[in-house]
Amino acid sequence: IGREGSHQWPPRSPDLTPLDFFLWGYVKDKVMFELPTTKENMKQRIRDTCASVTPKMLTNVRTTLMFRANKCLQARGGHFEHLI
């Protein structure tokens, strides 16, 4: 998949973007669990939450990304949400 590969990469598939399928939801859930009291408090919570991502979590994200990429190939680059 990609510029040099035999399959074109989808222009911007949120199903294949770890920031979309993992990080933004994780950060939102952690930061907004209890509403921030100030803008600075929110910024600090975002920093703390990003710093709390563990190597194990990143390993799981990598595994999920590979699974999603394979489903994308299975669907020949078409919609594959129903396969995940």
C-alpha atoms as a PDB file:
ATOM      1  CA  ILE A   1       0.000   0.000   0.000  1.00  0.00           C
ATOM      2  CA  GLY A   2       1.326   3.454  -0.778  1.00  0.00           C
ATOM      3  CA  ARG A   3       3.077   5.491  -3.438  1.00  0.00           C
ATOM      4  CA  GLU A   4       5.428   2.720  -4.512  1.00  0.00           C
ATOM      5  CA  GLY A   5       3.121  -0.179  -3.705  1.00  0.00           C
ATOM      6  CA  SER A   6       0.731  -2.114  -5.891  1.00  0.00           C
ATOM      7  CA  HIS A   7      -2.281  -0.618  -4.065  1.00  0.00           C
ATOM      8  CA  GLN A   8      -2.946   3.091  -3.707  1.00  0.00           C
ATOM      9  CA  TRP A   9      -3.253   4.349  -0.147  1.00  0.00           C
ATOM     10  CA  PRO A  10      -6.652   5.884   0.593  1.00  0.00           C
ATOM     11  CA  PRO A  11      -6.278   9.698   0.612  1.00  0.00           C
ATOM     12  CA  ARG A  12      -7.224  10.025   4.274  1.00  0.00           C
ATOM     13  CA  SER A  13      -9.013   7.135   5.826  1.00  0.00           C
ATOM     14  CA  PRO A  14      -9.750   7.643   9.548  1.00  0.00           C
ATOM     15  CA  ASP A  15      -9.950   3.864   9.817  1.00  0.00           C
ATOM     16  CA  LEU A  16      -6.231   3.713   8.986  1.00  0.00           C
ATOM     17  CA  THR A  17      -5.074   6.726  11.004  1.00  0.00           C
ATOM     18  CA  PRO A  18      -3.972   5.872  14.565  1.00  0.00           C
ATOM     19  CA  LEU A  19      -4.596   9.443  15.693  1.00  0.00           C
ATOM     20  CA  ASP A  20      -8.227   9.046  14.636  1.00  0.00           C
ATOM     21  CA  PHE A  21      -8.950   5.481  15.705  1.00  0.00           C
ATOM     22  CA  PHE A  22      -7.006   5.656  18.968  1.00  0.00           C
ATOM     23  CA  LEU A  23      -5.379   8.812  20.278  1.00  0.00           C
ATOM     24  CA  TRP A  24      -8.074  11.497  19.933  1.00  0.00           C
ATOM     25  CA  GLY A  25     -10.729   9.328  21.564  1.00  0.00           C
ATOM     26  CA  TYR A  26      -8.355   8.277  24.339  1.00  0.00           C
ATOM     27  CA  VAL A  27      -7.364  11.872  25.076  1.00  0.00           C
ATOM     28  CA  LYS A  28     -10.956  13.099  24.987  1.00  0.00           C
ATOM     29  CA  ASP A  29     -12.136  10.360  27.361  1.00  0.00           C
ATOM     30  CA  LYS A  30      -9.342  11.042  29.864  1.00  0.00           C
ATOM     31  CA  VAL A  31      -9.388  14.845  29.686  1.00  0.00           C
ATOM     32  CA  MET A  32     -13.159  15.248  29.761  1.00  0.00           C
ATOM     33  CA  PHE A  33     -13.845  12.573  32.408  1.00  0.00           C
ATOM     34  CA  GLU A  34     -14.069  15.484  34.814  1.00  0.00           C
ATOM     35  CA  LEU A  35     -14.493  18.875  33.141  1.00  0.00           C
ATOM     36  CA  PRO A  36     -11.336  21.007  33.192  1.00  0.00           C
ATOM     37  CA  THR A  37     -11.655  24.159  35.278  1.00  0.00           C
ATOM     38  CA  THR A  38      -9.391  26.432  33.215  1.00  0.00           C
ATOM     39  CA  LYS A  39      -7.769  26.535  29.802  1.00  0.00           C
ATOM     40  CA  GLU A  40      -4.387  25.856  31.420  1.00  0.00           C
ATOM     41  CA  ASN A  41      -5.862  22.915  33.348  1.00  0.00           C
ATOM     42  CA  MET A  42      -7.138  21.469  30.073  1.00  0.00           C
ATOM     43  CA  LYS A  43      -3.742  21.902  28.398  1.00  0.00           C
ATOM     44  CA  GLN A  44      -2.015  20.184  31.319  1.00  0.00           C
ATOM     45  CA  ARG A  45      -4.482  17.296  31.246  1.00  0.00           C
ATOM     46  CA  ILE A  46      -3.839  16.850  27.523  1.00  0.00           C
ATOM     47  CA  ARG A  47      -0.070  16.783  28.123  1.00  0.00           C
ATOM     48  CA  ASP A  48      -0.443  14.348  31.026  1.00  0.00           C
ATOM     49  CA  THR A  49      -2.750  12.089  29.045  1.00  0.00           C
ATOM     50  CA  CYS A  50      -0.405  11.975  26.050  1.00  0.00           C
ATOM     51  CA  ALA A  51       2.484  11.200  28.406  1.00  0.00           C
ATOM     52  CA  SER A  52       0.468   8.337  29.911  1.00  0.00           C
ATOM     53  CA  VAL A  53       0.428   6.365  26.650  1.00  0.00           C
ATOM     54  CA  THR A  54       2.424   3.215  27.366  1.00  0.00           C
ATOM     55  CA  PRO A  55       4.558   1.051  25.069  1.00  0.00           C
ATOM     56  CA  LYS A  56       1.951  -1.723  25.502  1.00  0.00           C
ATOM     57  CA  MET A  57      -0.767   0.630  24.261  1.00  0.00           C
ATOM     58  CA  LEU A  58       1.348   1.514  21.216  1.00  0.00           C
ATOM     59  CA  THR A  59       1.905  -2.184  20.522  1.00  0.00           C
ATOM     60  CA  ASN A  60      -1.870  -2.670  20.560  1.00  0.00           C
ATOM     61  CA  VAL A  61      -2.310   0.309  18.214  1.00  0.00           C
ATOM     62  CA  ARG A  62       0.233  -1.216  15.808  1.00  0.00           C
ATOM     63  CA  THR A  63      -1.590  -4.562  15.884  1.00  0.00           C
ATOM     64  CA  THR A  64      -4.908  -2.824  15.258  1.00  0.00           C
ATOM     65  CA  LEU A  65      -3.421  -0.788  12.404  1.00  0.00           C
ATOM     66  CA  MET A  66      -2.148  -3.943  10.698  1.00  0.00           C
ATOM     67  CA  PHE A  67      -5.569  -5.581  11.128  1.00  0.00           C
ATOM     68  CA  ARG A  68      -7.291  -2.523   9.638  1.00  0.00           C
ATOM     69  CA  ALA A  69      -4.820  -2.329   6.746  1.00  0.00           C
ATOM     70  CA  ASN A  70      -5.486  -5.977   5.916  1.00  0.00           C
ATOM     71  CA  LYS A  71      -9.253  -5.348   5.961  1.00  0.00           C
ATOM     72  CA  CYS A  72      -8.714  -2.382   3.638  1.00  0.00           C
ATOM     73  CA  LEU A  73      -6.808  -4.644   1.242  1.00  0.00           C
ATOM     74  CA  GLN A  74      -9.514  -7.298   1.548  1.00  0.00           C
ATOM     75  CA  ALA A  75     -12.069  -4.656   0.506  1.00  0.00           C
ATOM     76  CA  ARG A  76      -9.749  -3.585  -2.353  1.00  0.00           C
ATOM     77  CA  GLY A  77      -9.493  -0.099  -0.913  1.00  0.00           C
ATOM     78  CA  GLY A  78     -13.242   0.333  -0.617  1.00  0.00           C
ATOM     79  CA  HIS A  79     -15.342   0.716   2.496  1.00  0.00           C
ATOM     80  CA  PHE A  80     -14.275  -1.780   5.123  1.00  0.00           C
ATOM     81  CA  GLU A  81     -15.808  -0.473   8.356  1.00  0.00           C
ATOM     82  CA  HIS A  82     -18.254  -3.382   8.307  1.00  0.00           C
ATOM     83  CA  LEU A  83     -15.286  -5.785   8.389  1.00  0.00           C
ATOM     84  CA  ILE A  84     -13.696  -4.412  11.572  1.00  0.00           C
END
